[in-house]
Amino acid sequence: MRSLVILILAGCGSTVPPAQAPPPAPAARVDPTARASSPERRSIDPMFALAPADGEATALLQPGAVQLELHTTPIDNPGPALPLPVTIVAEQGSRVRVAVRLPNARFLAWSERAQLFAMMVREHRIAPRPGDHGMPSENHATVRAGAAVRRLAHKDAWTKVRYSGVFEVEGWVPDAALGEVAPARERGGWSPRGPSTQLVTRGAVIYFEPRWGSRQLAIVDRGYSVEVTRVVDDAWSEVAYADRDLVIRGFHSKRAPPGRVHRKVVDPALAPAKMIPNTQVASGTCLHASVEGDPIGYLVGDQDVDLVDTGRGWWTLTIDTPWGPIVFAARGADPTALVACAPDKTVPPSTLVAPTAP
């Protein structure tokens, strides 16, 4: 009987058609201007991340709004400030955590990724248009690996950038020539080697050819001397310049009108107000993000600070930075016994009383 039931069920066909697999999801649209995400950075001990390392890859940060801890009130930069070399130690979405190394302190801070300069990861000639590699020519503006540039625009696989140094250079480079970090380099300057030099002032234009209407290769941002390789006529000279960031060869006219550069001159009058110190504390003193918060840095050398007792062995400790005075927290029984957390031999020894071990 059981066998008969099984046969009957097997012979009954279903009238419901088999379910069809859902259609594949459409491919996600890719924004060609989006930065490819960096590989996930491994967790780094913040105290050791702050100690400088030889040959370490560095980034360049334009000081803007930063946070000592995520989801706290940003600390804004009150005025123009010079870019700071930093090391990226972590990232979260559009934010990066960077190691800031100042003469008086080292600490970690969160910043928007947009505040980072792009770094040239390989040398490349500046092109006038995206995809234009141009004909071979002795006249060119080339930005070297390790130079910092600003991203201005994007098209296909090319990015328009602006370099600002002794000269300002603007044009296009392949995306593959750009990154967020570059290996640290030794400092280097420019010493003209030719028999003749010429002083060029801010706004002087270097052209691709010795004629009106020729393409601009560079504009002088800071007055400097260039090497004169050939005198064309009373107005035009062929000139050359090179430093660790830039190589330029083109033509300069004594009669050409000046061009416009974009770098804003930092007015000392706009510098943030200094904090008023009330005591001096020892080198290596640990800096916390907040009272009872995590340690995020330490002082370098004995420093004048504004120290205020908040109770229960905690203090607010204020120091001067490019963002103006920043308030950290410190821990200890009294100002002469604040806890230190700088790794061994990474800061000058204190000439005050030795700070206590953590």
Protein backbone atom coordinates (compact mmCIF):
# COMPACT_ATOMS: atom_id res chain seq x y z
CA MET A 1 0.00 0.00 0.00
CA ARG A 2 2.85 2.36 0.95
CA SER A 3 4.58 1.65 -2.41
CA LEU A 4 1.38 2.44 -4.30
CA VAL A 5 1.02 5.83 -2.62
CA ILE A 6 4.61 6.73 -3.47
CA LEU A 7 4.06 5.79 -7.14
CA ILE A 8 0.87 7.85 -7.35
CA LEU A 9 2.60 10.91 -5.87
CA ALA A 10 5.55 10.54 -8.19
CA GLY A 11 3.26 10.39 -11.18
CA CYS A 12 1.37 13.56 -10.32
CA GLY A 13 2.95 16.52 -12.06
CA SER A 14 2.79 20.02 -10.65
CA THR A 15 1.00 22.70 -12.65
CA VAL A 16 3.16 25.47 -11.13
CA PRO A 17 6.10 26.39 -13.38
CA PRO A 18 9.52 26.28 -11.72
CA ALA A 19 10.65 29.55 -10.17
CA GLN A 20 13.09 31.48 -12.34
CA ALA A 21 16.30 32.87 -10.95
CA PRO A 22 16.12 36.62 -10.39
CA PRO A 23 17.88 38.72 -13.04
CA PRO A 24 21.41 39.76 -12.14
CA ALA A 25 21.69 43.11 -10.39
CA PRO A 26 22.89 45.91 -12.65
CA ALA A 27 26.55 46.75 -12.31
CA ALA A 28 27.19 49.57 -9.89
CA ARG A 29 28.07 52.84 -11.53
CA VAL A 30 31.62 53.90 -10.80
CA ASP A 31 32.46 57.53 -10.25
CA PRO A 32 35.70 58.05 -12.19
CA THR A 33 36.62 60.99 -9.96
CA ALA A 34 36.44 58.92 -6.79
CA ARG A 35 39.72 58.07 -5.10
CA ALA A 36 40.45 54.38 -4.99
CA SER A 37 40.24 53.32 -1.35
CA SER A 38 43.52 52.53 0.32
CA PRO A 39 44.15 49.04 1.67
CA GLU A 40 42.96 48.76 5.26
CA ARG A 41 45.71 49.98 7.54
CA ARG A 42 46.58 47.71 10.42
CA SER A 43 46.12 48.93 13.96
CA ILE A 44 49.13 50.95 15.09
CA ASP A 45 50.20 51.80 18.62
CA PRO A 46 49.65 55.59 18.61
CA MET A 47 52.66 56.34 20.79
CA PHE A 48 55.05 54.53 18.45
CA ALA A 49 53.34 55.93 15.34
CA LEU A 50 54.30 59.42 16.51
CA ALA A 51 58.02 58.71 16.63
CA PRO A 52 59.69 59.73 13.33
CA ALA A 53 61.05 56.85 11.24
CA ASP A 54 63.77 57.06 8.61
CA GLY A 55 62.41 56.78 5.07
CA GLU A 56 58.81 56.87 6.28
CA ALA A 57 56.17 57.67 3.68
CA THR A 58 54.64 61.04 4.47
CA ALA A 59 51.59 63.04 3.43
CA LEU A 60 51.03 66.80 3.43
CA LEU A 61 48.09 68.30 5.30
CA GLN A 62 46.62 71.76 4.88
CA PRO A 63 45.54 72.64 8.43
CA GLY A 64 41.76 72.87 8.61
CA ALA A 65 39.16 71.56 11.03
CA VAL A 66 40.50 68.58 13.04
CA GLN A 67 39.23 66.44 15.90
CA LEU A 68 41.25 64.81 18.66
CA GLU A 69 38.50 62.18 18.91
CA LEU A 70 35.75 61.31 16.44
CA HIS A 71 32.29 62.73 17.13
CA THR A 72 33.65 65.68 19.12
CA THR A 73 33.55 69.39 18.35
CA PRO A 74 36.07 70.16 15.57
CA ILE A 75 39.02 72.42 16.27
CA ASP A 76 39.09 74.90 13.42
CA ASN A 77 42.09 76.73 12.00
CA PRO A 78 41.51 80.45 12.63
CA GLY A 79 43.61 81.68 9.72
CA PRO A 80 45.98 80.79 6.86
CA ALA A 81 48.67 78.29 7.85
CA LEU A 82 51.51 76.52 6.11
CA PRO A 83 51.01 72.85 5.13
CA LEU A 84 52.23 70.26 7.62
CA PRO A 85 54.01 66.96 6.87
CA VAL A 86 52.02 64.16 8.54
CA THR A 87 51.82 60.38 8.59
CA ILE A 88 48.49 58.62 7.94
CA VAL A 89 47.94 55.97 10.64
CA ALA A 90 44.22 55.14 10.17
CA GLU A 91 41.19 56.04 8.08
CA GLN A 92 37.43 55.96 8.41
CA GLY A 93 35.27 56.94 5.45
CA SER A 94 36.19 60.45 4.35
CA ARG A 95 38.43 61.00 7.38
CA VAL A 96 42.02 60.11 8.06
CA ARG A 97 43.87 59.92 11.36
CA VAL A 98 47.27 61.52 11.08
CA ALA A 99 50.35 61.79 13.24
CA VAL A 100 51.19 65.48 13.69
CA ARG A 101 54.78 66.21 14.68
CA LEU A 102 55.41 69.75 15.91
CA PRO A 103 58.56 71.12 17.56
CA ASN A 104 56.78 71.21 20.94
CA ALA A 105 54.50 68.15 20.74
CA ARG A 106 53.46 65.11 18.76
CA PHE A 107 49.84 63.99 18.68
CA LEU A 108 47.16 62.22 16.65
CA ALA A 109 44.24 64.03 15.05
CA TRP A 110 41.37 63.27 12.68
CA SER A 111 41.03 65.36 9.52
CA GLU A 112 38.95 65.29 6.38
CA ARG A 113 40.80 63.53 3.58
CA ALA A 114 40.12 66.54 1.34
CA GLN A 115 42.64 68.49 3.43
CA LEU A 116 45.45 66.26 2.16
CA PHE A 117 47.54 67.28 -0.82
CA ALA A 118 48.03 64.77 -3.62
CA MET A 119 51.60 63.47 -3.81
CA MET A 120 53.47 62.73 -7.01
CA VAL A 121 54.52 59.09 -6.83
CA ARG A 122 56.51 59.34 -10.04
CA GLU A 123 58.03 62.09 -12.17
CA HIS A 124 55.84 63.38 -14.98
CA ARG A 125 55.72 66.25 -17.46
CA ILE A 126 52.75 68.57 -17.06
CA ALA A 127 50.41 68.24 -20.04
CA PRO A 128 48.20 71.08 -21.35
CA ARG A 129 45.24 68.72 -21.88
CA PRO A 130 44.19 65.31 -20.50
CA GLY A 131 45.77 62.50 -22.47
CA ASP A 132 48.19 64.83 -24.26
CA HIS A 133 51.68 63.38 -23.92
CA GLY A 134 52.91 65.87 -26.53
CA MET A 135 55.82 65.72 -28.90
CA PRO A 136 59.32 65.28 -27.46
CA SER A 137 60.69 68.71 -26.63
CA GLU A 138 63.46 70.23 -24.56
CA ASN A 139 60.98 72.78 -23.26
CA HIS A 140 58.78 71.47 -20.48
CA ALA A 141 57.64 71.71 -16.86
CA THR A 142 58.14 68.44 -14.99
CA VAL A 143 56.99 67.73 -11.44
CA ARG A 144 59.19 65.22 -9.65
CA ALA A 145 58.23 62.29 -7.44
CA GLY A 146 57.56 63.40 -3.88
CA ALA A 147 56.20 66.84 -4.78
CA ALA A 148 52.85 67.86 -3.30
CA VAL A 149 50.10 69.14 -5.62
CA ARG A 150 46.48 70.20 -5.38
CA ARG A 151 43.81 68.34 -7.35
CA LEU A 152 41.72 70.75 -9.44
CA ALA A 153 39.71 68.63 -11.91
CA HIS A 154 39.39 65.12 -13.33
CA LYS A 155 38.69 63.72 -16.78
CA ASP A 156 38.96 60.11 -17.87
CA ALA A 157 42.17 58.79 -16.26
CA TRP A 158 43.82 62.21 -15.88
CA THR A 159 43.82 64.78 -13.08
CA LYS A 160 44.41 68.51 -13.37
CA VAL A 161 46.84 69.61 -10.65
CA ARG A 162 48.53 72.75 -9.40
CA TYR A 163 52.01 72.79 -7.90
CA SER A 164 53.09 75.81 -5.81
CA GLY A 165 56.69 76.43 -4.88
CA VAL A 166 59.27 78.81 -6.29
CA PHE A 167 57.17 78.45 -9.46
CA GLU A 168 53.47 77.72 -9.88
CA VAL A 169 52.72 75.03 -12.46
CA GLU A 170 49.26 73.93 -13.54
CA GLY A 171 48.21 71.18 -15.94
CA TRP A 172 47.32 67.51 -16.32
CA VAL A 173 48.99 64.29 -15.16
CA PRO A 174 47.81 60.65 -15.28
CA ASP A 175 45.96 59.39 -12.21
CA ALA A 176 48.63 56.71 -11.84
CA ALA A 177 51.21 59.43 -11.11
CA LEU A 178 49.33 60.53 -7.96
CA GLY A 179 48.95 59.10 -4.48
CA GLU A 180 48.30 60.20 -0.91
CA VAL A 181 51.79 59.54 0.44
CA ALA A 182 55.34 59.68 -0.88
CA PRO A 183 58.70 58.59 0.53
CA ALA A 184 60.48 61.16 2.65
CA ARG A 185 63.23 63.02 0.81
CA GLU A 186 66.26 65.04 1.76
CA ARG A 187 65.95 68.79 1.51
CA GLY A 188 67.42 70.32 -1.61
CA GLY A 189 67.62 73.71 -3.30
CA TRP A 190 68.58 75.22 -6.62
CA SER A 191 72.01 76.48 -7.56
CA PRO A 192 72.29 77.85 -11.12
CA ARG A 193 75.19 76.18 -12.92
CA GLY A 194 75.30 78.16 -16.15
CA PRO A 195 77.57 81.11 -16.96
CA SER A 196 74.67 83.58 -16.77
CA THR A 197 71.72 84.01 -14.43
CA GLN A 198 68.68 86.25 -14.39
CA LEU A 199 66.49 87.37 -11.50
CA VAL A 200 62.80 86.79 -12.14
CA THR A 201 60.15 88.36 -9.92
CA ARG A 202 56.75 87.12 -8.76
CA GLY A 203 54.35 86.88 -11.70
CA ALA A 204 57.01 86.40 -14.39
CA VAL A 205 55.83 83.85 -16.96
CA ILE A 206 57.89 81.03 -18.52
CA TYR A 207 56.61 80.17 -22.03
CA PHE A 208 56.87 77.09 -24.22
CA GLU A 209 58.10 79.14 -27.19
CA PRO A 210 59.62 82.64 -27.55
CA ARG A 211 56.53 84.28 -29.02
CA TRP A 212 53.36 86.02 -27.88
CA GLY A 213 50.42 83.67 -27.39
CA SER A 214 52.64 80.68 -26.65
CA ARG A 215 51.55 78.22 -23.98
CA GLN A 216 52.52 79.06 -20.41
CA LEU A 217 54.71 76.48 -18.69
CA ALA A 218 55.06 78.15 -15.28
CA ILE A 219 54.65 81.40 -13.35
CA VAL A 220 57.14 82.63 -10.79
CA ASP A 221 55.60 82.49 -7.31
CA ARG A 222 58.62 83.63 -5.31
CA GLY A 223 61.33 85.85 -6.82
CA TYR A 224 64.38 83.77 -7.70
CA SER A 225 67.29 83.41 -10.11
CA VAL A 226 67.10 81.20 -13.18
CA GLU A 227 69.86 80.02 -15.47
CA VAL A 228 70.02 81.73 -18.86
CA THR A 229 70.94 79.06 -21.40
CA ARG A 230 70.51 81.22 -24.51
CA VAL A 231 69.70 84.83 -25.39
CA VAL A 232 67.21 84.87 -28.26
CA ASP A 233 66.92 88.66 -28.75
CA ASP A 234 66.52 91.84 -26.73
CA ALA A 235 63.25 90.62 -25.23
CA TRP A 236 63.48 86.83 -25.02
CA SER A 237 65.86 84.46 -23.22
CA GLU A 238 65.85 80.69 -22.88
CA VAL A 239 65.97 79.82 -19.17
CA ALA A 240 66.19 76.74 -16.97
CA TYR A 241 65.44 75.92 -13.34
CA ALA A 242 65.48 72.74 -11.25
CA ASP A 243 65.03 71.77 -7.61
CA ARG A 244 63.93 68.60 -5.81
CA ASP A 245 60.27 69.18 -6.83
CA LEU A 246 60.41 70.76 -10.26
CA VAL A 247 62.32 70.95 -13.55
CA ILE A 248 61.56 73.82 -15.97
CA ARG A 249 63.01 74.75 -19.33
CA GLY A 250 61.38 77.44 -21.46
CA PHE A 251 61.46 81.09 -22.48
CA HIS A 252 61.11 84.30 -20.52
CA SER A 253 60.38 87.76 -21.91
CA LYS A 254 61.38 90.96 -20.16
CA ARG A 255 58.42 92.70 -21.79
CA ALA A 256 55.63 90.22 -21.09
CA PRO A 257 52.91 91.28 -18.61
CA PRO A 258 52.92 89.40 -15.29
CA GLY A 259 50.72 86.40 -14.71
CA ARG A 260 48.57 85.62 -11.66
CA VAL A 261 49.52 83.08 -9.03
CA HIS A 262 47.09 81.47 -6.60
CA ARG A 263 49.14 81.03 -3.44
CA LYS A 264 47.86 83.19 -0.61
CA VAL A 265 50.56 84.96 1.32
CA VAL A 266 50.25 84.16 5.02
CA ASP A 267 49.75 87.43 6.89
CA PRO A 268 51.47 87.24 10.31
CA ALA A 269 48.72 89.49 11.66
CA LEU A 270 46.21 86.67 11.05
CA ALA A 271 48.17 84.14 13.09
CA PRO A 272 46.16 82.64 15.97
CA ALA A 273 46.57 84.20 19.40
CA LYS A 274 49.10 82.55 21.68
CA MET A 275 48.08 80.86 24.92
CA ILE A 276 49.27 82.39 28.19
CA PRO A 277 51.38 79.82 30.08
CA ASN A 278 51.25 79.44 33.85
CA THR A 279 53.83 76.69 34.40
CA GLN A 280 56.39 74.45 32.74
CA VAL A 281 56.01 70.67 32.48
CA ALA A 282 58.42 67.90 31.61
CA SER A 283 59.38 66.49 28.25
CA GLY A 284 57.48 63.29 27.41
CA THR A 285 54.35 64.29 29.37
CA CYS A 286 51.42 62.32 28.03
CA LEU A 287 48.66 64.20 26.18
CA HIS A 288 45.13 62.76 26.39
CA ALA A 289 42.28 63.62 24.06
CA SER A 290 40.12 64.59 27.06
CA VAL A 291 39.87 64.08 30.80
CA GLU A 292 39.75 60.31 31.32
CA GLY A 293 40.20 59.97 27.55
CA ASP A 294 42.75 57.98 25.57
CA PRO A 295 46.41 59.04 25.31
CA ILE A 296 47.06 60.50 21.85
CA GLY A 297 50.44 62.19 22.14
CA TYR A 298 53.21 63.66 24.25
CA LEU A 299 55.31 66.79 24.71
CA VAL A 300 58.70 67.16 23.02
CA GLY A 301 61.08 68.91 25.38
CA ASP A 302 60.17 70.80 28.54
CA GLN A 303 57.33 73.12 27.58
CA ASP A 304 55.56 76.21 28.87
CA VAL A 305 51.86 75.32 29.11
CA ASP A 306 48.59 76.46 30.63
CA LEU A 307 47.82 73.80 33.24
CA VAL A 308 44.52 73.73 35.16
CA ASP A 309 43.54 71.23 37.88
CA THR A 310 40.18 69.57 37.14
CA GLY A 311 40.24 67.22 40.16
CA ARG A 312 40.69 63.46 40.67
CA GLY A 313 44.26 63.58 39.39
CA TRP A 314 43.39 65.11 35.99
CA TRP A 315 44.47 68.40 34.45
CA THR A 316 43.73 70.35 31.28
CA LEU A 317 46.96 71.17 29.44
CA THR A 318 47.00 73.79 26.69
CA ILE A 319 49.79 74.26 24.13
CA ASP A 320 50.26 76.39 21.03
CA THR A 321 49.77 74.74 17.62
CA PRO A 322 49.16 75.84 14.00
CA TRP A 323 45.44 75.59 14.88
CA GLY A 324 45.93 77.99 17.77
CA PRO A 325 45.94 76.85 21.41
CA ILE A 326 44.65 73.27 21.75
CA VAL A 327 43.43 71.91 25.09
CA PHE A 328 44.56 68.39 25.94
CA ALA A 329 44.32 66.53 29.24
CA ALA A 330 47.12 65.22 31.45
CA ARG A 331 47.16 62.88 34.46
CA GLY A 332 49.19 63.12 37.63
CA ALA A 333 49.19 63.98 41.29
CA ASP A 334 50.68 67.44 40.73
CA PRO A 335 52.39 69.50 37.98
CA THR A 336 55.77 67.96 38.82
CA ALA A 337 54.47 64.40 38.62
CA LEU A 338 52.50 64.24 35.37
CA VAL A 339 52.46 60.84 33.71
CA ALA A 340 54.79 60.41 30.73
CA CYS A 341 54.19 58.12 27.76
CA ALA A 342 56.78 59.05 25.13
CA PRO A 343 58.65 55.95 23.91
CA ASP A 344 62.20 55.65 25.15
CA LYS A 345 64.76 57.93 23.47
CA THR A 346 62.19 59.66 21.22
CA VAL A 347 62.20 63.04 23.02
CA PRO A 348 64.89 65.13 24.73
CA PRO A 349 65.38 64.28 28.42
CA SER A 350 63.69 66.62 30.84
CA THR A 351 65.76 69.10 32.82
CA LEU A 352 62.91 69.27 35.34
CA VAL A 353 62.00 66.48 37.73
CA ALA A 354 61.63 63.14 35.98
CA PRO A 355 58.00 62.37 35.05
CA THR A 356 56.43 59.27 36.54
CA ALA A 357 56.05 56.05 34.58
CA PRO A 358 52.54 55.21 33.37
